Amino acid sequence: MKYYRKYIIAVIVYFAVWAVAVYFIGTSLTAKAVTNRTAFMNRMTAQIEQTGDTSAASFTRTFTPDDIADVIEVYSLEDMSSMQNVGGGNNTYVWTLKDADGTVMGFVRYEYKSDINHKMIVLSEVSIVVALIPLIAFMVYVHRKVLRPFNEFSEYPVKLSKGLATEGLPETKSRLFGKYIWGMNMLNDRLDADRKQIDRLMYDRKKFVSVLAHGIKTPVANIKLYSEAIETGLYRGGVPDEEDKKIAIKIGKNADDIAGLVSEILDDPGSLRSSYEPTIGSFYLEDIKTRVMEDFGNRLKVSAIPFEVEQSGNPMVTSDLEAIIRCVFQVMENAIKYGDGTGIKMRLYRQDDLTFISIKNNGATLSESEMPFVFNCYWRGSNSSGKEGSGIGLYEARSIIRKLGGDIMMKVEDGATEVVMYL
């Protein structure tokens, strides 16, 4: 409140000054009109007393048309009965006519068309406009400093909840959203740290389960062999014992069950099979470009990384926009992380019944022998040394894209890496 106190005081002073100005302007208009008209009627009355001439031609150089009466009528004392009709909507003044001895001879009626009211109405209208200026300025300020930023900020929590916040909210000097931006950026950092921690824990879990599964696999295979030996009577000279055979069969079945569980554990990459279910809707290809530019445009500009987006047409796409954005963001993060900063190019186009999204970057590339493994869970290439990551992003992207009826591939050519998603 202290910060805005000076603005409140300024508005109060503004209206106080204008109120005083209106008072003096209105008073001046009224006083000037009365003074000038009084002077004219005084001199005109003297002229009529002396000469009887009611023409105001001789006063046109001295007085303005507003000072000269529109109607000048002379009444004798015998005409007093007709004076009862004097008045009406216009300004009417009655002056006495006297002779040289000071005896009243009659009256002069001066009638003016009132323009003071008109001027006061104009003054009132101007006052309304002046009063509206601070209100309009306040509304513009609220729109620019409050409503528009809040509308932009309101989308940020949704991005956080979907894991699509690639960078924090930009810092601002505004005191209105300073704490909000600071808090949301702290939340983003915390969520990012938690995600990395979860990825590390999942990796450790996968590693532990894999080691444990491999450790179980060999003893189970041996148990299976021993059970078969007992079942065939290998230790009894080739003559199996019926009771031993029944027990051996049960042991063998349990060993098979354990072997099956071990195979499932080894086939499931850390129990991270995506639980994602598509939410299909319709959108335009331009929507993908818009979202990418919103989240990566400024970031790449600040990092001085050339970024080019090439779009062919703007067809309608029927798919899951948020899921596609999530996959595109993951590939863009990799392009920034593993590229050399000399450029990233994104292409959006439609071919036959397929929608293609291509992201290409220059920089450290993978060898041909590593290409078959890039979409495996927890796998990281030889170019990942010294860079943060868990090896989950591309695995999840492929799982999502495949659930949308498409696929994702990577190719390396001429020192550049290109990831192509098609739907």
Protein backbone atom coordinates (compact mmCIF):
# COMPACT_ATOMS: atom_id res chain seq x y z
CA MET A 1 0.00 0.00 0.00
CA LYS A 2 2.88 2.36 0.73
CA TYR A 3 4.12 1.88 -2.83
CA TYR A 4 0.84 3.16 -4.30
CA ARG A 5 0.23 5.92 -1.78
CA LYS A 6 1.95 8.50 -3.97
CA TYR A 7 -0.29 7.58 -6.92
CA ILE A 8 -3.41 7.93 -4.77
CA ILE A 9 -2.23 11.33 -3.56
CA ALA A 10 -1.49 12.37 -7.15
CA VAL A 11 -5.04 11.46 -8.23
CA ILE A 12 -6.55 13.37 -5.31
CA VAL A 13 -4.44 16.45 -6.14
CA TYR A 14 -5.40 16.09 -9.80
CA PHE A 15 -9.14 16.22 -9.06
CA ALA A 16 -8.72 18.97 -6.46
CA VAL A 17 -6.87 21.18 -8.94
CA TRP A 18 -9.44 20.55 -11.62
CA ALA A 19 -12.33 21.29 -9.22
CA VAL A 20 -10.74 24.64 -8.34
CA ALA A 21 -10.14 25.35 -12.03
CA VAL A 22 -13.77 24.60 -12.90
CA TYR A 23 -14.97 26.88 -10.10
CA PHE A 24 -12.86 29.82 -11.27
CA ILE A 25 -13.62 29.23 -14.96
CA GLY A 26 -17.38 29.08 -14.29
CA THR A 27 -17.25 32.15 -12.05
CA SER A 28 -15.19 34.03 -14.62
CA LEU A 29 -17.58 33.22 -17.45
CA THR A 30 -20.60 34.38 -15.44
CA ALA A 31 -18.96 37.50 -14.00
CA LYS A 32 -17.54 38.62 -17.34
CA ALA A 33 -20.87 38.24 -19.09
CA VAL A 34 -22.77 40.13 -16.38
CA THR A 35 -20.18 42.93 -16.20
CA ASN A 36 -20.05 43.54 -19.95
CA ARG A 37 -23.82 43.36 -20.35
CA THR A 38 -24.34 45.73 -17.44
CA ALA A 39 -21.99 48.25 -19.07
CA PHE A 40 -23.82 47.96 -22.38
CA MET A 41 -27.31 48.36 -20.85
CA ASN A 42 -26.12 51.35 -18.80
CA ARG A 43 -24.76 53.15 -21.85
CA MET A 44 -27.70 52.15 -24.03
CA THR A 45 -30.18 53.42 -21.47
CA ALA A 46 -28.32 56.75 -21.31
CA GLN A 47 -28.49 57.00 -25.12
CA ILE A 48 -32.25 56.39 -25.13
CA GLU A 49 -32.77 58.98 -22.37
CA GLN A 50 -30.82 61.54 -24.34
CA THR A 51 -31.80 60.84 -27.95
CA GLY A 52 -34.53 58.19 -27.87
CA ASP A 53 -32.45 56.11 -30.31
CA THR A 54 -32.71 52.36 -29.62
CA SER A 55 -30.16 51.35 -32.27
CA ALA A 56 -27.01 49.63 -30.96
CA ALA A 57 -24.99 50.27 -34.12
CA SER A 58 -22.69 52.72 -32.37
CA PHE A 59 -21.66 50.10 -29.77
CA THR A 60 -20.49 47.31 -32.11
CA ARG A 61 -16.86 48.40 -31.85
CA THR A 62 -16.93 48.57 -28.07
CA PHE A 63 -18.93 45.46 -27.22
CA THR A 64 -19.09 41.92 -28.58
CA PRO A 65 -22.30 40.49 -30.06
CA ASP A 66 -22.78 38.57 -26.79
CA ASP A 67 -22.78 41.85 -24.84
CA ILE A 68 -25.35 43.55 -27.08
CA ALA A 69 -28.96 42.69 -26.30
CA ASP A 70 -30.92 40.80 -28.94
CA VAL A 71 -34.15 42.65 -28.08
CA ILE A 72 -34.39 46.29 -26.93
CA GLU A 73 -37.91 47.57 -26.18
CA VAL A 74 -39.00 50.90 -24.63
CA TYR A 75 -42.10 51.08 -22.44
CA SER A 76 -43.77 54.28 -21.18
CA LEU A 77 -45.48 54.51 -17.83
CA GLU A 78 -48.80 54.03 -19.61
CA ASP A 79 -47.57 50.66 -20.97
CA MET A 80 -46.99 49.20 -17.52
CA SER A 81 -49.86 46.76 -18.01
CA SER A 82 -47.91 44.99 -20.79
CA MET A 83 -44.84 44.50 -18.58
CA GLN A 84 -46.44 41.50 -16.94
CA ASN A 85 -45.48 39.40 -19.99
CA VAL A 86 -41.78 40.28 -19.71
CA GLY A 87 -39.55 37.27 -18.92
CA GLY A 88 -39.41 33.74 -20.23
CA GLY A 89 -36.51 31.44 -20.93
CA ASN A 90 -34.13 34.13 -22.04
CA ASN A 91 -32.19 36.55 -19.84
CA THR A 92 -34.36 39.65 -19.45
CA TYR A 93 -33.36 42.92 -17.76
CA VAL A 94 -35.50 46.02 -17.11
CA TRP A 95 -33.94 49.47 -16.70
CA THR A 96 -35.76 52.71 -15.81
CA LEU A 97 -35.78 55.73 -18.06
CA LYS A 98 -35.46 59.12 -16.35
CA ASP A 99 -35.56 62.68 -17.59
CA ALA A 100 -33.07 65.41 -16.74
CA ASP A 101 -34.77 66.01 -13.41
CA GLY A 102 -34.56 62.37 -12.44
CA THR A 103 -38.24 61.68 -12.95
CA VAL A 104 -39.09 58.16 -14.18
CA MET A 105 -40.46 58.30 -17.74
CA GLY A 106 -40.66 54.61 -18.53
CA PHE A 107 -38.66 51.43 -18.81
CA VAL A 108 -36.30 49.69 -21.25
CA ARG A 109 -36.41 45.91 -21.61
CA TYR A 110 -33.22 44.15 -22.68
CA GLU A 111 -33.45 40.51 -23.71
CA TYR A 112 -30.43 38.22 -24.25
CA LYS A 113 -30.35 34.73 -25.61
CA SER A 114 -28.70 32.76 -22.83
CA ASP A 115 -25.34 31.26 -23.88
CA ILE A 116 -23.97 30.97 -20.34
CA ASN A 117 -25.88 27.74 -19.88
CA HIS A 118 -24.38 26.42 -23.08
CA LYS A 119 -20.89 27.31 -21.94
CA MET A 120 -21.49 25.70 -18.57
CA ILE A 121 -22.73 22.55 -20.27
CA VAL A 122 -19.55 22.48 -22.39
CA LEU A 123 -17.53 23.02 -19.24
CA SER A 124 -19.37 20.13 -17.56
CA GLU A 125 -18.71 17.84 -20.52
CA VAL A 126 -15.04 18.77 -20.48
CA SER A 127 -15.03 18.04 -16.75
CA ILE A 128 -16.44 14.57 -17.38
CA VAL A 129 -13.75 13.88 -19.98
CA VAL A 130 -11.06 15.11 -17.60
CA ALA A 131 -12.49 12.89 -14.87
CA LEU A 132 -12.47 9.90 -17.22
CA ILE A 133 -8.80 10.32 -18.12
CA PRO A 134 -7.49 8.90 -14.80
CA LEU A 135 -10.11 6.15 -14.94
CA ILE A 136 -9.10 5.14 -18.47
CA ALA A 137 -5.43 5.37 -17.53
CA PHE A 138 -6.15 3.15 -14.51
CA MET A 139 -8.00 0.60 -16.65
CA VAL A 140 -5.13 0.52 -19.18
CA TYR A 141 -2.66 0.11 -16.32
CA VAL A 142 -4.69 -2.73 -14.79
CA HIS A 143 -4.96 -4.45 -18.18
CA ARG A 144 -1.25 -4.18 -18.96
CA LYS A 145 0.17 -4.74 -15.49
CA VAL A 146 -2.39 -7.08 -13.94
CA LEU A 147 -4.83 -8.81 -16.28
CA ARG A 148 -2.52 -9.57 -19.21
CA PRO A 149 0.39 -10.85 -17.06
CA PHE A 150 -2.02 -12.85 -14.90
CA ASN A 151 -3.53 -14.43 -17.99
CA GLU A 152 -0.04 -15.46 -19.11
CA PHE A 153 0.94 -16.67 -15.64
CA SER A 154 -2.28 -18.67 -15.24
CA GLU A 155 -1.08 -21.19 -17.82
CA TYR A 156 2.16 -21.83 -15.96
CA PRO A 157 0.74 -24.06 -13.15
CA VAL A 158 -0.92 -26.21 -15.83
CA LYS A 159 2.45 -26.62 -17.55
CA LEU A 160 4.04 -27.50 -14.22
CA SER A 161 1.43 -30.17 -13.56
CA LYS A 162 2.06 -31.70 -16.98
CA GLY A 163 5.83 -31.43 -16.75
CA LEU A 164 5.98 -29.00 -19.69
CA ALA A 165 7.60 -26.01 -17.92
CA THR A 166 10.96 -25.84 -19.67
CA GLU A 167 12.07 -22.62 -17.98
CA GLY A 168 11.01 -20.37 -15.14
CA LEU A 169 8.81 -17.32 -15.40
CA PRO A 170 10.74 -14.21 -16.46
CA GLU A 171 11.68 -11.87 -13.64
CA THR A 172 9.80 -8.58 -13.49
CA LYS A 173 10.16 -5.31 -11.60
CA SER A 174 6.44 -5.30 -10.89
CA ARG A 175 5.64 -5.48 -7.20
CA LEU A 176 2.31 -7.08 -8.01
CA PHE A 177 3.65 -10.45 -9.13
CA GLY A 178 7.19 -10.41 -7.76
CA LYS A 179 6.51 -12.90 -4.95
CA TYR A 180 4.27 -15.01 -7.18
CA ILE A 181 6.96 -15.34 -9.86
CA TRP A 182 9.61 -16.04 -7.26
CA GLY A 183 7.42 -18.71 -5.64
CA MET A 184 6.47 -20.38 -8.95
CA ASN A 185 10.10 -20.49 -10.06
CA MET A 186 11.05 -22.05 -6.73
CA LEU A 187 8.28 -24.61 -7.21
CA ASN A 188 9.53 -25.35 -10.73
CA ASP A 189 13.08 -25.83 -9.46
CA ARG A 190 11.83 -28.08 -6.67
CA LEU A 191 9.72 -30.17 -9.01
CA ASP A 192 12.62 -30.44 -11.44
CA ALA A 193 14.93 -31.56 -8.64
CA ASP A 194 12.30 -34.06 -7.45
CA ARG A 195 11.91 -35.45 -10.97
CA LYS A 196 15.64 -35.92 -11.26
CA GLN A 197 15.73 -37.57 -7.85
CA ILE A 198 12.89 -39.90 -8.86
CA ASP A 199 14.72 -40.75 -12.08
CA ARG A 200 17.87 -41.58 -10.11
CA LEU A 201 15.91 -43.69 -7.65
CA MET A 202 14.16 -45.50 -10.49
CA TYR A 203 17.50 -46.10 -12.13
CA ASP A 204 18.93 -47.49 -8.90
CA ARG A 205 15.82 -49.63 -8.50
CA LYS A 206 16.16 -50.94 -12.04
CA LYS A 207 19.81 -51.68 -11.48
CA PHE A 208 19.10 -53.43 -8.18
CA VAL A 209 16.22 -55.45 -9.63
CA SER A 210 18.30 -56.40 -12.69
CA VAL A 211 21.21 -57.56 -10.57
CA LEU A 212 18.86 -59.44 -8.27
CA ALA A 213 16.99 -61.01 -11.20
CA HIS A 214 20.20 -62.13 -12.87
CA GLY A 215 21.39 -63.48 -9.53
CA ILE A 216 18.20 -65.52 -9.15
CA LYS A 217 18.20 -66.78 -12.72
CA THR A 218 21.21 -69.10 -12.39
CA PRO A 219 20.17 -70.79 -9.09
CA VAL A 220 16.64 -71.29 -10.46
CA ALA A 221 18.08 -72.93 -13.57
CA ASN A 222 20.12 -75.24 -11.34
CA ILE A 223 17.07 -76.09 -9.25
CA LYS A 224 15.23 -76.91 -12.47
CA LEU A 225 18.05 -79.27 -13.52
CA TYR A 226 18.13 -80.99 -10.12
CA SER A 227 14.37 -81.46 -10.16
CA GLU A 228 14.51 -83.02 -13.61
CA ALA A 229 17.33 -85.31 -12.44
CA ILE A 230 15.26 -86.46 -9.47
CA GLU A 231 12.18 -86.85 -11.67
CA THR A 232 14.04 -89.16 -14.11
CA GLY A 233 15.68 -91.17 -11.26
CA LEU A 234 19.17 -90.09 -12.26
CA TYR A 235 20.38 -90.51 -8.68
CA ARG A 236 18.68 -93.92 -8.30
CA GLY A 237 20.29 -95.71 -11.21
CA GLY A 238 17.76 -94.53 -13.72
CA VAL A 239 14.79 -95.87 -11.77
CA PRO A 240 12.64 -92.97 -10.53
CA ASP A 241 10.84 -93.14 -7.24
CA GLU A 242 7.17 -92.28 -7.57
CA GLU A 243 7.06 -90.14 -4.45
CA ASP A 244 10.31 -88.38 -5.40
CA LYS A 245 8.95 -87.86 -8.92
CA LYS A 246 5.81 -86.11 -7.62
CA ILE A 247 7.89 -83.78 -5.43
CA ALA A 248 10.36 -83.13 -8.28
CA ILE A 249 7.50 -82.18 -10.58
CA LYS A 250 6.23 -79.65 -8.01
CA ILE A 251 9.75 -78.26 -7.54
CA GLY A 252 10.14 -77.95 -11.32
CA LYS A 253 6.80 -76.13 -11.62
CA ASN A 254 7.76 -73.64 -8.92
CA ALA A 255 11.14 -73.15 -10.60
CA ASP A 256 9.34 -72.41 -13.90
CA ASP A 257 7.12 -69.87 -12.12
CA ILE A 258 10.15 -68.15 -10.62
CA ALA A 259 11.91 -68.16 -14.01
CA GLY A 260 8.83 -66.60 -15.57
CA LEU A 261 8.76 -63.81 -12.98
CA VAL A 262 12.46 -63.19 -13.53
CA SER A 263 11.90 -62.94 -17.30
CA GLU A 264 9.09 -60.41 -16.76
CA ILE A 265 11.32 -58.33 -14.51
CA LEU A 266 14.13 -58.34 -17.06
CA ASP A 267 11.78 -57.58 -19.95
CA ASP A 268 10.08 -54.67 -18.12
CA PRO A 269 12.50 -51.68 -18.09
CA GLY A 270 12.24 -50.79 -14.44
CA SER A 271 8.43 -51.11 -14.40
CA LEU A 272 8.29 -47.82 -16.28
CA ARG A 273 5.89 -48.82 -18.99
CA SER A 274 3.95 -45.67 -19.69
CA SER A 275 0.53 -45.46 -18.06
CA TYR A 276 -0.37 -42.70 -20.49
CA GLU A 277 -3.76 -42.94 -22.19
CA PRO A 278 -4.42 -40.70 -25.21
CA THR A 279 -6.94 -37.86 -25.06
CA ILE A 280 -7.79 -37.33 -28.70
CA GLY A 281 -8.88 -33.95 -30.00
CA SER A 282 -8.52 -31.71 -33.05
CA PHE A 283 -5.98 -28.93 -33.46
CA TYR A 284 -3.94 -27.24 -36.16
CA LEU A 285 -0.30 -27.83 -37.00
CA GLU A 286 0.30 -24.16 -36.20
CA ASP A 287 -0.59 -24.87 -32.54
CA ILE A 288 2.52 -27.03 -32.14
CA LYS A 289 4.72 -24.28 -33.58
CA THR A 290 3.11 -21.67 -31.31
CA ARG A 291 3.69 -23.73 -28.16
CA VAL A 292 7.32 -24.44 -29.06
CA MET A 293 8.02 -20.76 -29.80
CA GLU A 294 6.40 -19.68 -26.52
CA ASP A 295 8.56 -21.99 -24.42
CA PHE A 296 11.82 -22.09 -26.36
CA GLY A 297 11.93 -18.88 -28.44
CA ASN A 298 13.27 -16.54 -25.73
CA ARG A 299 15.39 -19.25 -24.17
CA LEU A 300 17.23 -19.99 -27.43
CA LYS A 301 17.52 -16.27 -28.17
CA VAL A 302 19.17 -15.64 -24.81
CA SER A 303 21.47 -18.63 -25.38
CA ALA A 304 22.32 -17.26 -28.85
CA ILE A 305 21.31 -20.54 -30.52
CA PRO A 306 19.86 -19.98 -34.02
CA PHE A 307 16.41 -21.52 -34.21
CA GLU A 308 14.43 -22.01 -37.41
CA VAL A 309 10.91 -23.37 -37.78
CA GLU A 310 9.71 -24.46 -41.20
CA GLN A 311 6.02 -25.25 -41.58
CA SER A 312 4.28 -26.50 -44.71
CA GLY A 313 0.61 -25.62 -44.62
CA ASN A 314 -1.61 -25.62 -41.57
CA PRO A 315 -3.71 -28.79 -41.72
CA MET A 316 -5.99 -29.93 -38.91
CA VAL A 317 -4.56 -32.82 -36.90
CA THR A 318 -6.61 -35.30 -34.87
CA SER A 319 -4.45 -36.50 -31.99
CA ASP A 320 -3.40 -35.60 -28.43
CA LEU A 321 -1.84 -32.12 -28.54
CA GLU A 322 -0.51 -32.13 -24.96
CA ALA A 323 1.13 -35.53 -25.42
CA ILE A 324 2.77 -34.43 -28.67
CA ILE A 325 4.01 -31.22 -27.04
CA ARG A 326 5.52 -33.31 -24.23
CA CYS A 327 7.43 -35.45 -26.75
CA VAL A 328 8.52 -32.43 -28.82
CA PHE A 329 9.76 -30.66 -25.68
CA GLN A 330 11.83 -33.70 -24.73
CA VAL A 331 13.49 -33.80 -28.14
CA MET A 332 14.08 -30.02 -28.04
CA GLU A 333 15.73 -30.36 -24.61
CA ASN A 334 18.05 -33.02 -26.03
CA ALA A 335 18.83 -30.84 -29.05
CA ILE A 336 19.85 -28.00 -26.74
CA LYS A 337 21.74 -30.25 -24.34
CA TYR A 338 23.71 -32.31 -26.87
CA GLY A 339 23.98 -29.79 -29.70
CA ASP A 340 26.93 -27.49 -30.25
CA GLY A 341 24.80 -24.32 -30.22
CA THR A 342 25.25 -23.57 -33.92
CA GLY A 343 21.64 -24.13 -34.84
CA ILE A 344 18.41 -26.08 -34.39
CA LYS A 345 15.86 -26.54 -37.15
CA MET A 346 12.30 -27.77 -36.72
CA ARG A 347 10.08 -28.88 -39.60
CA LEU A 348 6.33 -29.44 -39.48
CA TYR A 349 4.60 -30.92 -42.51
CA ARG A 350 1.90 -33.28 -43.71
CA GLN A 351 2.51 -36.06 -46.21
CA ASP A 352 -0.31 -38.35 -47.31
CA ASP A 353 -2.10 -39.33 -44.09
CA LEU A 354 0.90 -38.74 -41.82
CA THR A 355 1.94 -35.69 -39.84
CA PHE A 356 5.70 -35.28 -39.46
CA ILE A 357 7.65 -33.36 -36.83
CA SER A 358 11.39 -33.18 -37.45
CA ILE A 359 13.97 -31.62 -35.09
CA LYS A 360 17.55 -31.39 -36.31
CA ASN A 361 20.59 -30.07 -34.48
CA ASN A 362 24.29 -29.83 -35.11
CA GLY A 363 26.75 -31.13 -32.55
CA ALA A 364 28.04 -34.25 -30.82
CA THR A 365 26.53 -37.24 -32.59
CA LEU A 366 26.26 -40.92 -31.77
CA SER A 367 28.05 -43.69 -33.58
CA GLU A 368 26.14 -45.99 -35.91
CA SER A 369 26.53 -48.86 -33.42
CA GLU A 370 24.70 -46.88 -30.73
CA MET A 371 21.65 -45.97 -32.81
CA PRO A 372 19.60 -49.14 -32.03
CA PHE A 373 19.72 -48.34 -28.30
CA VAL A 374 18.78 -44.65 -28.16
CA PHE A 375 15.14 -45.33 -27.25
CA ASN A 376 15.90 -47.94 -24.59
CA CYS A 377 15.04 -47.08 -21.01
CA TYR A 378 17.98 -45.78 -18.93
CA TRP A 379 20.34 -45.99 -21.89
CA ARG A 380 22.68 -43.03 -22.39
CA GLY A 381 25.02 -42.53 -25.33
CA SER A 382 28.71 -41.80 -25.48
CA ASN A 383 27.97 -38.08 -25.99
CA SER A 384 26.27 -37.77 -22.59
CA SER A 385 29.44 -37.49 -20.55
CA GLY A 386 29.22 -34.60 -18.09
CA LYS A 387 25.58 -33.87 -18.96
CA GLU A 388 22.61 -34.42 -16.67
CA GLY A 389 20.06 -37.02 -17.63
CA SER A 390 18.56 -40.37 -16.79
CA GLY A 391 17.96 -42.01 -20.16
CA ILE A 392 14.18 -42.03 -19.73
CA GLY A 393 13.02 -39.11 -21.93
CA LEU A 394 13.28 -40.69 -25.38
CA TYR A 395 11.95 -43.99 -24.05
CA GLU A 396 8.81 -42.23 -22.78
CA ALA A 397 8.49 -40.20 -25.99
CA ARG A 398 8.52 -43.37 -28.09
CA SER A 399 5.95 -45.03 -25.80
CA ILE A 400 3.60 -42.05 -26.15
CA ILE A 401 4.04 -41.65 -29.90
CA ARG A 402 3.37 -45.35 -30.45
CA LYS A 403 0.18 -45.14 -28.40
CA LEU A 404 -0.87 -42.35 -30.76
CA GLY A 405 -0.45 -44.70 -33.70
CA GLY A 406 2.89 -43.32 -34.88
CA ASP A 407 6.56 -43.81 -34.20
CA ILE A 408 9.81 -41.95 -33.65
CA MET A 409 13.24 -42.47 -35.19
CA MET A 410 16.68 -40.93 -35.10
CA LYS A 411 19.28 -40.60 -37.80
CA VAL A 412 22.77 -39.10 -37.94
CA GLU A 413 24.10 -37.56 -41.11
CA ASP A 414 26.88 -35.07 -41.89
CA GLY A 415 27.56 -34.26 -38.26
CA ALA A 416 23.90 -33.52 -37.48
CA THR A 417 21.31 -35.47 -35.50
CA GLU A 418 17.71 -35.55 -36.66
CA VAL A 419 14.79 -36.95 -34.70
CA VAL A 420 11.62 -37.50 -36.70
CA MET A 421 8.21 -38.16 -35.15
CA TYR A 422 5.27 -39.12 -37.31
CA LEU A 423 1.60 -39.51 -36.41
